[in-house]
Amino acid sequence: MHERSASSAQSGLALALVSAAAFGTNIVSAQLAGHAGLSGPLIVFYRVFLMLALVVGAALIWRASLAVPRHRWSALALFGFSTALTACAYLSSVSFLPITVAAVVFYTFPILIVLAEPFFTPARFSLDRVVIALVAFLGVAMVVGPDWRGLDPRGLALALAASVLAAVQFFSAARCGDTGTIPKLFWSHLVILPVTLAILALTGLFQPPSALMLAPVAVVVTIGGYLIGFLLQVLALARVAPGPAALAFCGEPVFAVAIAAVFLGERVGSLQYAGGALVVAAIIANVILEQKRARRLPAVAA
């Protein structure tokens, strides 16, 4: 039991880090697609449509059941709804804000999760984890280097809403952690699809699939990053608590900046390197803290 808990936490954090890397790729390519005239909600709709098709295919091939325990339906519905709104709000915020500012506002969600965790999970308040979250957030702010001049309040509102919704997403995913991966992916995306379609209808941003050819490479990378990132996020949150998982996702903007530097030739300064080092240090401290916590659980239960 002792080794199994520590191993589960370790694998969950590893999955969260890889998921963060995939999402980091996703946001860079999503910005490129946005420059080509493809809106955030439109990309969300098509990537969700593809995910749903793939999940149905996987369920048919492996003859997997899509049944969900009745007591998990509300958490699963909330997970799907918050996921849809998080993605639409965050990807839409960069239409009004520089992506750096949007990222800093959005990545307040790990701090929100750490502060709220004692109220929604059995986890106790941990000053160590709050300090780690603040250090990680400072690192993110240094990495993205936001320019706060002339900000559009609509973009700030969208980015802040995305942060709060991301916290809801993590907590609701943790509540249905014992639900199978395939039914969780299927039913959550069945909720996400009509939500994004309604947003597109209300905003008049819907475009046919042919519009994706405006930026085919960016669209493929964006959708691929989402498919991998979301799957690994679901697997991670079934193994590790929302707090430590959220802190691992602070690595996402670091990956995004690194990818932009390598593939887009964007310049990375000394402040960004220092911020990246802070985020890495916070993630390492988070892993060590979670391993210690996992080792203490059997002793406390006994």
C-alpha atoms as a PDB file:
ATOM      1  CA  MET A   1       0.000   0.000   0.000  1.00  0.00           C
ATOM      2  CA  HIS A   2       2.842   2.349   0.997  1.00  0.00           C
ATOM      3  CA  GLU A   3       4.820   1.778  -2.220  1.00  0.00           C
ATOM      4  CA  ARG A   4       1.710   1.728  -4.378  1.00  0.00           C
ATOM      5  CA  SER A   5       0.578   5.198  -3.155  1.00  0.00           C
ATOM      6  CA  ALA A   6       4.011   6.727  -3.725  1.00  0.00           C
ATOM      7  CA  SER A   7       4.276   5.070  -7.144  1.00  0.00           C
ATOM      8  CA  SER A   8       0.808   6.281  -8.158  1.00  0.00           C
ATOM      9  CA  ALA A   9       1.636   9.855  -7.158  1.00  0.00           C
ATOM     10  CA  GLN A  10       4.923   9.719  -9.029  1.00  0.00           C
ATOM     11  CA  SER A  11       3.348   8.374 -12.224  1.00  0.00           C
ATOM     12  CA  GLY A  12       0.517  10.926 -11.950  1.00  0.00           C
ATOM     13  CA  LEU A  13       2.966  13.822 -11.743  1.00  0.00           C
ATOM     14  CA  ALA A  14       4.975  12.435 -14.669  1.00  0.00           C
ATOM     15  CA  LEU A  15       1.798  12.215 -16.766  1.00  0.00           C
ATOM     16  CA  ALA A  16       0.874  15.770 -15.767  1.00  0.00           C
ATOM     17  CA  LEU A  17       4.278  17.075 -16.882  1.00  0.00           C
ATOM     18  CA  VAL A  18       4.040  15.375 -20.280  1.00  0.00           C
ATOM     19  CA  SER A  19       0.482  16.691 -20.605  1.00  0.00           C
ATOM     20  CA  ALA A  20       1.766  20.207 -19.841  1.00  0.00           C
ATOM     21  CA  ALA A  21       4.372  19.827 -22.592  1.00  0.00           C
ATOM     22  CA  ALA A  22       1.672  18.780 -25.076  1.00  0.00           C
ATOM     23  CA  PHE A  23      -0.544  21.724 -24.105  1.00  0.00           C
ATOM     24  CA  GLY A  24       2.467  24.033 -24.350  1.00  0.00           C
ATOM     25  CA  THR A  25       2.845  22.982 -27.972  1.00  0.00           C
ATOM     26  CA  ASN A  26      -0.896  23.424 -28.401  1.00  0.00           C
ATOM     27  CA  ILE A  27      -1.068  27.085 -27.327  1.00  0.00           C
ATOM     28  CA  VAL A  28       1.775  28.181 -29.642  1.00  0.00           C
ATOM     29  CA  SER A  29       0.159  26.577 -32.674  1.00  0.00           C
ATOM     30  CA  ALA A  30      -3.285  27.858 -31.599  1.00  0.00           C
ATOM     31  CA  GLN A  31      -1.939  31.399 -31.717  1.00  0.00           C
ATOM     32  CA  LEU A  32      -0.591  30.793 -35.234  1.00  0.00           C
ATOM     33  CA  ALA A  33      -3.984  29.437 -36.275  1.00  0.00           C
ATOM     34  CA  GLY A  34      -5.638  32.515 -34.745  1.00  0.00           C
ATOM     35  CA  HIS A  35      -3.431  34.777 -36.845  1.00  0.00           C
ATOM     36  CA  ALA A  36      -4.741  32.920 -39.911  1.00  0.00           C
ATOM     37  CA  GLY A  37      -8.337  33.783 -38.962  1.00  0.00           C
ATOM     38  CA  LEU A  38      -9.396  30.689 -37.011  1.00  0.00           C
ATOM     39  CA  SER A  39     -11.080  31.542 -33.698  1.00  0.00           C
ATOM     40  CA  GLY A  40     -10.384  29.769 -30.418  1.00  0.00           C
ATOM     41  CA  PRO A  41     -13.906  28.312 -30.047  1.00  0.00           C
ATOM     42  CA  LEU A  42     -13.778  27.025 -33.648  1.00  0.00           C
ATOM     43  CA  ILE A  43     -10.561  25.103 -32.987  1.00  0.00           C
ATOM     44  CA  VAL A  44     -12.015  23.795 -29.728  1.00  0.00           C
ATOM     45  CA  PHE A  45     -15.113  22.533 -31.560  1.00  0.00           C
ATOM     46  CA  TYR A  46     -13.207  20.589 -34.216  1.00  0.00           C
ATOM     47  CA  ARG A  47     -10.656  19.100 -31.837  1.00  0.00           C
ATOM     48  CA  VAL A  48     -13.448  17.967 -29.522  1.00  0.00           C
ATOM     49  CA  PHE A  49     -15.346  16.507 -32.493  1.00  0.00           C
ATOM     50  CA  LEU A  50     -12.243  14.515 -33.468  1.00  0.00           C
ATOM     51  CA  MET A  51     -11.612  13.360 -29.900  1.00  0.00           C
ATOM     52  CA  LEU A  52     -15.199  12.125 -29.639  1.00  0.00           C
ATOM     53  CA  ALA A  53     -14.862  10.197 -32.902  1.00  0.00           C
ATOM     54  CA  LEU A  54     -11.594   8.595 -31.751  1.00  0.00           C
ATOM     55  CA  VAL A  55     -13.066   7.628 -28.378  1.00  0.00           C
ATOM     56  CA  VAL A  56     -16.094   6.014 -30.040  1.00  0.00           C
ATOM     57  CA  GLY A  57     -13.739   4.081 -32.336  1.00  0.00           C
ATOM     58  CA  ALA A  58     -11.638   2.943 -29.375  1.00  0.00           C
ATOM     59  CA  ALA A  59     -14.755   1.841 -27.480  1.00  0.00           C
ATOM     60  CA  LEU A  60     -15.903  -0.230 -30.471  1.00  0.00           C
ATOM     61  CA  ILE A  61     -12.492  -1.817 -31.054  1.00  0.00           C
ATOM     62  CA  TRP A  62     -11.914  -2.726 -27.398  1.00  0.00           C
ATOM     63  CA  ARG A  63     -15.620  -3.300 -26.673  1.00  0.00           C
ATOM     64  CA  ALA A  64     -15.302  -0.967 -23.727  1.00  0.00           C
ATOM     65  CA  SER A  65     -18.333  -0.097 -21.630  1.00  0.00           C
ATOM     66  CA  LEU A  66     -19.431   3.539 -21.539  1.00  0.00           C
ATOM     67  CA  ALA A  67     -21.317   3.060 -18.285  1.00  0.00           C
ATOM     68  CA  VAL A  68     -20.694   5.563 -15.504  1.00  0.00           C
ATOM     69  CA  PRO A  69     -21.742   5.133 -11.845  1.00  0.00           C
ATOM     70  CA  ARG A  70     -24.824   7.223 -11.179  1.00  0.00           C
ATOM     71  CA  HIS A  71     -23.186   9.096  -8.310  1.00  0.00           C
ATOM     72  CA  ARG A  72     -20.442  10.328 -10.702  1.00  0.00           C
ATOM     73  CA  TRP A  73     -22.740  11.858 -13.319  1.00  0.00           C
ATOM     74  CA  SER A  74     -22.823  15.336 -11.780  1.00  0.00           C
ATOM     75  CA  ALA A  75     -19.022  15.496 -11.438  1.00  0.00           C
ATOM     76  CA  LEU A  76     -18.557  14.234 -14.997  1.00  0.00           C
ATOM     77  CA  ALA A  77     -21.017  16.787 -16.395  1.00  0.00           C
ATOM     78  CA  LEU A  78     -19.273  19.570 -14.480  1.00  0.00           C
ATOM     79  CA  PHE A  79     -15.925  18.339 -15.776  1.00  0.00           C
ATOM     80  CA  GLY A  80     -17.124  18.503 -19.391  1.00  0.00           C
ATOM     81  CA  PHE A  81     -18.821  21.884 -18.973  1.00  0.00           C
ATOM     82  CA  SER A  82     -15.843  23.513 -17.227  1.00  0.00           C
ATOM     83  CA  THR A  83     -13.411  22.033 -19.771  1.00  0.00           C
ATOM     84  CA  ALA A  84     -15.352  23.540 -22.665  1.00  0.00           C
ATOM     85  CA  LEU A  85     -15.590  26.985 -21.086  1.00  0.00           C
ATOM     86  CA  THR A  86     -11.940  26.961 -19.934  1.00  0.00           C
ATOM     87  CA  ALA A  87     -10.664  26.270 -23.445  1.00  0.00           C
ATOM     88  CA  CYS A  88     -12.972  28.786 -25.123  1.00  0.00           C
ATOM     89  CA  ALA A  89     -12.234  31.528 -22.592  1.00  0.00           C
ATOM     90  CA  TYR A  90      -8.460  31.055 -22.635  1.00  0.00           C
ATOM     91  CA  LEU A  91      -8.082  30.754 -26.392  1.00  0.00           C
ATOM     92  CA  SER A  92     -10.457  33.715 -26.890  1.00  0.00           C
ATOM     93  CA  SER A  93      -8.574  35.914 -24.407  1.00  0.00           C
ATOM     94  CA  VAL A  94      -5.564  36.103 -26.746  1.00  0.00           C
ATOM     95  CA  SER A  95      -7.777  37.937 -29.251  1.00  0.00           C
ATOM     96  CA  PHE A  96      -7.828  40.877 -26.815  1.00  0.00           C
ATOM     97  CA  LEU A  97      -4.561  40.417 -24.905  1.00  0.00           C
ATOM     98  CA  PRO A  98      -0.951  39.552 -25.685  1.00  0.00           C
ATOM     99  CA  ILE A  99      -0.535  35.827 -25.126  1.00  0.00           C
ATOM    100  CA  THR A 100       2.004  36.581 -22.396  1.00  0.00           C
ATOM    101  CA  VAL A 101      -0.496  38.541 -20.303  1.00  0.00           C
ATOM    102  CA  ALA A 102      -3.225  35.951 -20.882  1.00  0.00           C
ATOM    103  CA  ALA A 103      -0.859  33.205 -19.719  1.00  0.00           C
ATOM    104  CA  VAL A 104       0.082  35.000 -16.495  1.00  0.00           C
ATOM    105  CA  VAL A 105      -3.556  35.654 -15.590  1.00  0.00           C
ATOM    106  CA  PHE A 106      -4.596  32.119 -16.528  1.00  0.00           C
ATOM    107  CA  TYR A 107      -1.812  30.495 -14.519  1.00  0.00           C
ATOM    108  CA  THR A 108      -3.198  31.828 -11.280  1.00  0.00           C
ATOM    109  CA  PHE A 109      -5.299  28.636 -11.325  1.00  0.00           C
ATOM    110  CA  PRO A 110      -2.689  26.466  -9.514  1.00  0.00           C
ATOM    111  CA  ILE A 111      -2.733  28.962  -6.633  1.00  0.00           C
ATOM    112  CA  LEU A 112      -6.546  28.904  -6.572  1.00  0.00           C
ATOM    113  CA  ILE A 113      -6.502  25.103  -6.497  1.00  0.00           C
ATOM    114  CA  VAL A 114      -3.928  24.899  -3.696  1.00  0.00           C
ATOM    115  CA  LEU A 115      -5.894  27.398  -1.581  1.00  0.00           C
ATOM    116  CA  ALA A 116      -9.252  25.724  -2.258  1.00  0.00           C
ATOM    117  CA  GLU A 117      -8.053  22.106  -1.938  1.00  0.00           C
ATOM    118  CA  PRO A 118      -8.737  21.806   1.831  1.00  0.00           C
ATOM    119  CA  PHE A 119     -12.370  22.792   1.208  1.00  0.00           C
ATOM    120  CA  PHE A 120     -13.077  20.338  -1.627  1.00  0.00           C
ATOM    121  CA  THR A 121     -10.772  17.376  -0.926  1.00  0.00           C
ATOM    122  CA  PRO A 122      -9.505  15.502   2.155  1.00  0.00           C
ATOM    123  CA  ALA A 123      -6.138  17.288   1.758  1.00  0.00           C
ATOM    124  CA  ARG A 124      -5.094  19.542   4.622  1.00  0.00           C
ATOM    125  CA  PHE A 125      -3.868  23.093   4.162  1.00  0.00           C
ATOM    126  CA  SER A 126      -0.148  23.030   3.353  1.00  0.00           C
ATOM    127  CA  LEU A 127       1.903  26.199   3.688  1.00  0.00           C
ATOM    128  CA  ASP A 128       4.730  24.451   1.831  1.00  0.00           C
ATOM    129  CA  ARG A 129       2.497  23.886  -1.175  1.00  0.00           C
ATOM    130  CA  VAL A 130       1.245  27.494  -1.136  1.00  0.00           C
ATOM    131  CA  VAL A 131       4.861  28.733  -1.152  1.00  0.00           C
ATOM    132  CA  ILE A 132       5.680  26.372  -4.039  1.00  0.00           C
ATOM    133  CA  ALA A 133       2.624  27.631  -5.957  1.00  0.00           C
ATOM    134  CA  LEU A 134       3.680  31.260  -5.465  1.00  0.00           C
ATOM    135  CA  VAL A 135       7.250  30.500  -6.569  1.00  0.00           C
ATOM    136  CA  ALA A 136       5.927  28.673  -9.646  1.00  0.00           C
ATOM    137  CA  PHE A 137       3.629  31.591 -10.488  1.00  0.00           C
ATOM    138  CA  LEU A 138       6.503  34.064 -10.128  1.00  0.00           C
ATOM    139  CA  GLY A 139       8.535  31.875 -12.472  1.00  0.00           C
ATOM    140  CA  VAL A 140       5.698  31.809 -15.007  1.00  0.00           C
ATOM    141  CA  ALA A 141       5.411  35.607 -14.852  1.00  0.00           C
ATOM    142  CA  MET A 142       9.152  35.921 -15.490  1.00  0.00           C
ATOM    143  CA  VAL A 143       9.056  33.414 -18.354  1.00  0.00           C
ATOM    144  CA  VAL A 144       6.225  35.038 -20.279  1.00  0.00           C
ATOM    145  CA  GLY A 145       7.309  38.597 -19.404  1.00  0.00           C
ATOM    146  CA  PRO A 146       3.909  40.303 -19.747  1.00  0.00           C
ATOM    147  CA  ASP A 147       3.425  43.837 -21.025  1.00  0.00           C
ATOM    148  CA  TRP A 148       0.553  45.316 -19.017  1.00  0.00           C
ATOM    149  CA  ARG A 149       0.136  48.511 -21.061  1.00  0.00           C
ATOM    150  CA  GLY A 150      -3.165  49.244 -22.818  1.00  0.00           C
ATOM    151  CA  LEU A 151      -4.920  46.047 -21.727  1.00  0.00           C
ATOM    152  CA  ASP A 152      -8.432  45.252 -22.918  1.00  0.00           C
ATOM    153  CA  PRO A 153     -10.724  44.456 -19.936  1.00  0.00           C
ATOM    154  CA  ARG A 154     -12.541  41.865 -22.056  1.00  0.00           C
ATOM    155  CA  GLY A 155      -9.346  39.871 -22.422  1.00  0.00           C
ATOM    156  CA  LEU A 156      -8.570  40.138 -18.704  1.00  0.00           C
ATOM    157  CA  ALA A 157     -12.084  38.965 -17.833  1.00  0.00           C
ATOM    158  CA  LEU A 158     -11.803  35.991 -20.197  1.00  0.00           C
ATOM    159  CA  ALA A 159      -8.366  34.969 -18.897  1.00  0.00           C
ATOM    160  CA  LEU A 160      -9.491  35.272 -15.262  1.00  0.00           C
ATOM    161  CA  ALA A 161     -12.663  33.291 -16.006  1.00  0.00           C
ATOM    162  CA  ALA A 162     -10.512  30.610 -17.643  1.00  0.00           C
ATOM    163  CA  SER A 163      -8.384  30.423 -14.478  1.00  0.00           C
ATOM    164  CA  VAL A 164     -11.394  29.906 -12.200  1.00  0.00           C
ATOM    165  CA  LEU A 165     -12.912  27.383 -14.618  1.00  0.00           C
ATOM    166  CA  ALA A 166      -9.625  25.462 -14.793  1.00  0.00           C
ATOM    167  CA  ALA A 167      -9.744  25.070 -11.010  1.00  0.00           C
ATOM    168  CA  VAL A 168     -13.304  23.735 -11.308  1.00  0.00           C
ATOM    169  CA  GLN A 169     -12.114  21.365 -14.044  1.00  0.00           C
ATOM    170  CA  PHE A 170      -9.363  19.887 -11.862  1.00  0.00           C
ATOM    171  CA  PHE A 171     -11.600  19.352  -8.839  1.00  0.00           C
ATOM    172  CA  SER A 172     -14.435  17.806 -10.863  1.00  0.00           C
ATOM    173  CA  ALA A 173     -11.986  15.500 -12.670  1.00  0.00           C
ATOM    174  CA  ALA A 174     -10.598  14.325  -9.325  1.00  0.00           C
ATOM    175  CA  ARG A 175     -14.128  13.554  -8.081  1.00  0.00           C
ATOM    176  CA  CYS A 176     -14.718  11.119 -10.954  1.00  0.00           C
ATOM    177  CA  GLY A 177     -11.197   9.665 -10.843  1.00  0.00           C
ATOM    178  CA  ASP A 178     -12.515   6.110 -10.372  1.00  0.00           C
ATOM    179  CA  THR A 179     -14.502   6.313 -13.636  1.00  0.00           C
ATOM    180  CA  GLY A 180     -12.942   4.481 -16.593  1.00  0.00           C
ATOM    181  CA  THR A 181     -10.857   6.554 -18.998  1.00  0.00           C
ATOM    182  CA  ILE A 182     -12.910   5.806 -22.127  1.00  0.00           C
ATOM    183  CA  PRO A 183     -16.336   6.582 -20.610  1.00  0.00           C
ATOM    184  CA  LYS A 184     -14.860   9.679 -18.958  1.00  0.00           C
ATOM    185  CA  LEU A 185     -13.509  10.939 -22.283  1.00  0.00           C
ATOM    186  CA  PHE A 186     -16.717  10.057 -24.141  1.00  0.00           C
ATOM    187  CA  TRP A 187     -19.253  11.647 -21.816  1.00  0.00           C
ATOM    188  CA  SER A 188     -17.179  14.735 -21.023  1.00  0.00           C
ATOM    189  CA  HIS A 189     -16.690  15.451 -24.733  1.00  0.00           C
ATOM    190  CA  LEU A 190     -20.351  14.786 -25.399  1.00  0.00           C
ATOM    191  CA  VAL A 191     -20.969  17.694 -23.024  1.00  0.00           C
ATOM    192  CA  ILE A 192     -18.165  19.858 -24.451  1.00  0.00           C
ATOM    193  CA  LEU A 193     -19.322  19.549 -28.080  1.00  0.00           C
ATOM    194  CA  PRO A 194     -22.754  21.244 -27.811  1.00  0.00           C
ATOM    195  CA  VAL A 195     -21.354  23.889 -25.436  1.00  0.00           C
ATOM    196  CA  THR A 196     -18.718  24.962 -27.960  1.00  0.00           C
ATOM    197  CA  LEU A 197     -21.232  24.754 -30.812  1.00  0.00           C
ATOM    198  CA  ALA A 198     -23.585  27.065 -28.881  1.00  0.00           C
ATOM    199  CA  ILE A 199     -20.731  29.535 -28.306  1.00  0.00           C
ATOM    200  CA  LEU A 200     -19.922  29.507 -32.025  1.00  0.00           C
ATOM    201  CA  ALA A 201     -23.592  30.049 -32.908  1.00  0.00           C
ATOM    202  CA  LEU A 202     -23.940  32.966 -30.477  1.00  0.00           C
ATOM    203  CA  THR A 203     -20.731  34.654 -31.623  1.00  0.00           C
ATOM    204  CA  GLY A 204     -21.189  33.937 -35.335  1.00  0.00           C
ATOM    205  CA  LEU A 205     -17.694  32.437 -35.555  1.00  0.00           C
ATOM    206  CA  PHE A 206     -18.603  29.037 -36.984  1.00  0.00           C
ATOM    207  CA  GLN A 207     -16.760  28.072 -40.175  1.00  0.00           C
ATOM    208  CA  PRO A 208     -16.903  24.845 -42.239  1.00  0.00           C
ATOM    209  CA  PRO A 209     -14.100  22.252 -41.961  1.00  0.00           C
ATOM    210  CA  SER A 210     -12.532  23.639 -45.150  1.00  0.00           C
ATOM    211  CA  ALA A 211     -11.562  26.765 -43.179  1.00  0.00           C
ATOM    212  CA  LEU A 212      -9.012  24.669 -41.277  1.00  0.00           C
ATOM    213  CA  MET A 213      -6.898  24.670 -44.446  1.00  0.00           C
ATOM    214  CA  LEU A 214      -6.098  28.324 -43.760  1.00  0.00           C
ATOM    215  CA  ALA A 215      -3.392  27.039 -41.403  1.00  0.00           C
ATOM    216  CA  PRO A 216      -3.193  23.244 -41.859  1.00  0.00           C
ATOM    217  CA  VAL A 217       0.085  22.657 -39.990  1.00  0.00           C
ATOM    218  CA  ALA A 218      -0.931  24.849 -37.058  1.00  0.00           C
ATOM    219  CA  VAL A 219      -4.326  23.125 -36.886  1.00  0.00           C
ATOM    220  CA  VAL A 220      -2.785  19.623 -36.930  1.00  0.00           C
ATOM    221  CA  VAL A 221      -0.318  20.532 -34.179  1.00  0.00           C
ATOM    222  CA  THR A 222      -3.024  22.252 -32.119  1.00  0.00           C
ATOM    223  CA  ILE A 223      -5.427  19.334 -32.346  1.00  0.00           C
ATOM    224  CA  GLY A 224      -2.669  16.757 -31.821  1.00  0.00           C
ATOM    225  CA  GLY A 225      -1.349  18.612 -28.768  1.00  0.00           C
ATOM    226  CA  TYR A 226      -4.855  18.707 -27.336  1.00  0.00           C
ATOM    227  CA  LEU A 227      -5.583  15.021 -27.936  1.00  0.00           C
ATOM    228  CA  ILE A 228      -2.369  13.938 -26.223  1.00  0.00           C
ATOM    229  CA  GLY A 229      -2.498  16.583 -23.505  1.00  0.00           C
ATOM    230  CA  PHE A 230      -6.116  15.978 -22.521  1.00  0.00           C
ATOM    231  CA  LEU A 231      -5.759  12.201 -22.413  1.00  0.00           C
ATOM    232  CA  LEU A 232      -2.687  12.436 -20.196  1.00  0.00           C
ATOM    233  CA  GLN A 233      -4.356  15.072 -18.005  1.00  0.00           C
ATOM    234  CA  VAL A 234      -7.293  12.737 -17.365  1.00  0.00           C
ATOM    235  CA  LEU A 235      -4.913   9.873 -16.555  1.00  0.00           C
ATOM    236  CA  ALA A 236      -2.867  12.123 -14.251  1.00  0.00           C
ATOM    237  CA  LEU A 237      -5.863  13.400 -12.277  1.00  0.00           C
ATOM    238  CA  ALA A 238      -6.951   9.801 -11.655  1.00  0.00           C
ATOM    239  CA  ARG A 239      -3.617   9.213  -9.881  1.00  0.00           C
ATOM    240  CA  VAL A 240      -2.688  12.423  -8.102  1.00  0.00           C
ATOM    241  CA  ALA A 241      -4.576  15.135  -6.190  1.00  0.00           C
ATOM    242  CA  PRO A 242      -5.587  18.415  -7.900  1.00  0.00           C
ATOM    243  CA  GLY A 243      -3.050  20.554  -5.995  1.00  0.00           C
ATOM    244  CA  PRO A 244       0.181  18.802  -7.002  1.00  0.00           C
ATOM    245  CA  ALA A 245      -1.169  18.116 -10.502  1.00  0.00           C
ATOM    246  CA  ALA A 246      -1.965  21.812 -11.038  1.00  0.00           C
ATOM    247  CA  LEU A 247       1.536  22.810  -9.935  1.00  0.00           C
ATOM    248  CA  ALA A 248       3.002  20.420 -12.505  1.00  0.00           C
ATOM    249  CA  PHE A 249       1.020  22.270 -15.181  1.00  0.00           C
ATOM    250  CA  CYS A 250       2.987  25.449 -14.418  1.00  0.00           C
ATOM    251  CA  GLY A 251       5.532  23.880 -16.753  1.00  0.00           C
ATOM    252  CA  GLU A 252       3.170  24.479 -19.705  1.00  0.00           C
ATOM    253  CA  PRO A 253       4.164  28.102 -20.456  1.00  0.00           C
ATOM    254  CA  VAL A 254       7.835  27.174 -20.035  1.00  0.00           C
ATOM    255  CA  PHE A 255       7.417  24.517 -22.707  1.00  0.00           C
ATOM    256  CA  ALA A 256       5.496  27.008 -24.861  1.00  0.00           C
ATOM    257  CA  VAL A 257       8.275  29.620 -24.676  1.00  0.00           C
ATOM    258  CA  ALA A 258      10.929  26.983 -25.396  1.00  0.00           C
ATOM    259  CA  ILE A 259       8.997  25.742 -28.431  1.00  0.00           C
ATOM    260  CA  ALA A 260       8.475  29.298 -29.690  1.00  0.00           C
ATOM    261  CA  ALA A 261      12.205  29.979 -29.293  1.00  0.00           C
ATOM    262  CA  VAL A 262      13.278  26.831 -31.148  1.00  0.00           C
ATOM    263  CA  PHE A 263      10.720  26.743 -33.962  1.00  0.00           C
ATOM    264  CA  LEU A 264       9.657  30.390 -34.317  1.00  0.00           C
ATOM    265  CA  GLY A 265      12.985  32.017 -33.528  1.00  0.00           C
ATOM    266  CA  GLU A 266      11.606  34.071 -30.646  1.00  0.00           C
ATOM    267  CA  ARG A 267      14.282  35.574 -28.424  1.00  0.00           C
ATOM    268  CA  VAL A 268      14.644  34.260 -24.862  1.00  0.00           C
ATOM    269  CA  GLY A 269      16.308  36.627 -22.369  1.00  0.00           C
ATOM    270  CA  SER A 270      18.070  36.066 -19.085  1.00  0.00           C
ATOM    271  CA  LEU A 271      14.913  36.923 -17.103  1.00  0.00           C
ATOM    272  CA  GLN A 272      13.027  34.162 -18.922  1.00  0.00           C
ATOM    273  CA  TYR A 273      15.803  31.668 -18.231  1.00  0.00           C
ATOM    274  CA  ALA A 274      15.674  32.610 -14.545  1.00  0.00           C
ATOM    275  CA  GLY A 275      11.892  32.256 -14.533  1.00  0.00           C
ATOM    276  CA  GLY A 276      12.144  28.849 -16.167  1.00  0.00           C
ATOM    277  CA  ALA A 277      14.639  27.781 -13.510  1.00  0.00           C
ATOM    278  CA  LEU A 278      12.207  28.898 -10.787  1.00  0.00           C
ATOM    279  CA  VAL A 279       9.374  26.893 -12.356  1.00  0.00           C
ATOM    280  CA  VAL A 280      11.578  23.800 -12.664  1.00  0.00           C
ATOM    281  CA  ALA A 281      12.697  24.191  -9.030  1.00  0.00           C
ATOM    282  CA  ALA A 282       9.057  24.533  -7.918  1.00  0.00           C
ATOM    283  CA  ILE A 283       8.054  21.425  -9.881  1.00  0.00           C
ATOM    284  CA  ILE A 284      10.915  19.425  -8.348  1.00  0.00           C
ATOM    285  CA  ALA A 285       9.941  20.630  -4.849  1.00  0.00           C
ATOM    286  CA  ASN A 286       6.329  19.694  -5.651  1.00  0.00           C
ATOM    287  CA  VAL A 287       7.363  16.158  -6.649  1.00  0.00           C
ATOM    288  CA  ILE A 288       9.392  15.722  -3.443  1.00  0.00           C
ATOM    289  CA  LEU A 289       6.553  17.076  -1.289  1.00  0.00           C
ATOM    290  CA  GLU A 290       3.994  14.799  -2.954  1.00  0.00           C
ATOM    291  CA  GLN A 291       6.223  11.732  -2.529  1.00  0.00           C
ATOM    292  CA  LYS A 292       6.599  12.506   1.197  1.00  0.00           C
ATOM    293  CA  ARG A 293       2.855  12.982   1.527  1.00  0.00           C
ATOM    294  CA  ALA A 294       2.144   9.683  -0.244  1.00  0.00           C
ATOM    295  CA  ARG A 295       4.526   7.854   2.077  1.00  0.00           C
ATOM    296  CA  ARG A 296       2.841   9.313   5.154  1.00  0.00           C
ATOM    297  CA  LEU A 297      -0.692   8.318   4.086  1.00  0.00           C
ATOM    298  CA  PRO A 298      -0.488   4.613   5.060  1.00  0.00           C
ATOM    299  CA  ALA A 299       0.965   5.550   8.447  1.00  0.00           C
ATOM    300  CA  VAL A 300      -1.853   8.020   9.076  1.00  0.00           C
ATOM    301  CA  ALA A 301      -4.481   5.476   7.998  1.00  0.00           C
ATOM    302  CA  ALA A 302      -2.972   2.893  10.337  1.00  0.00           C
END
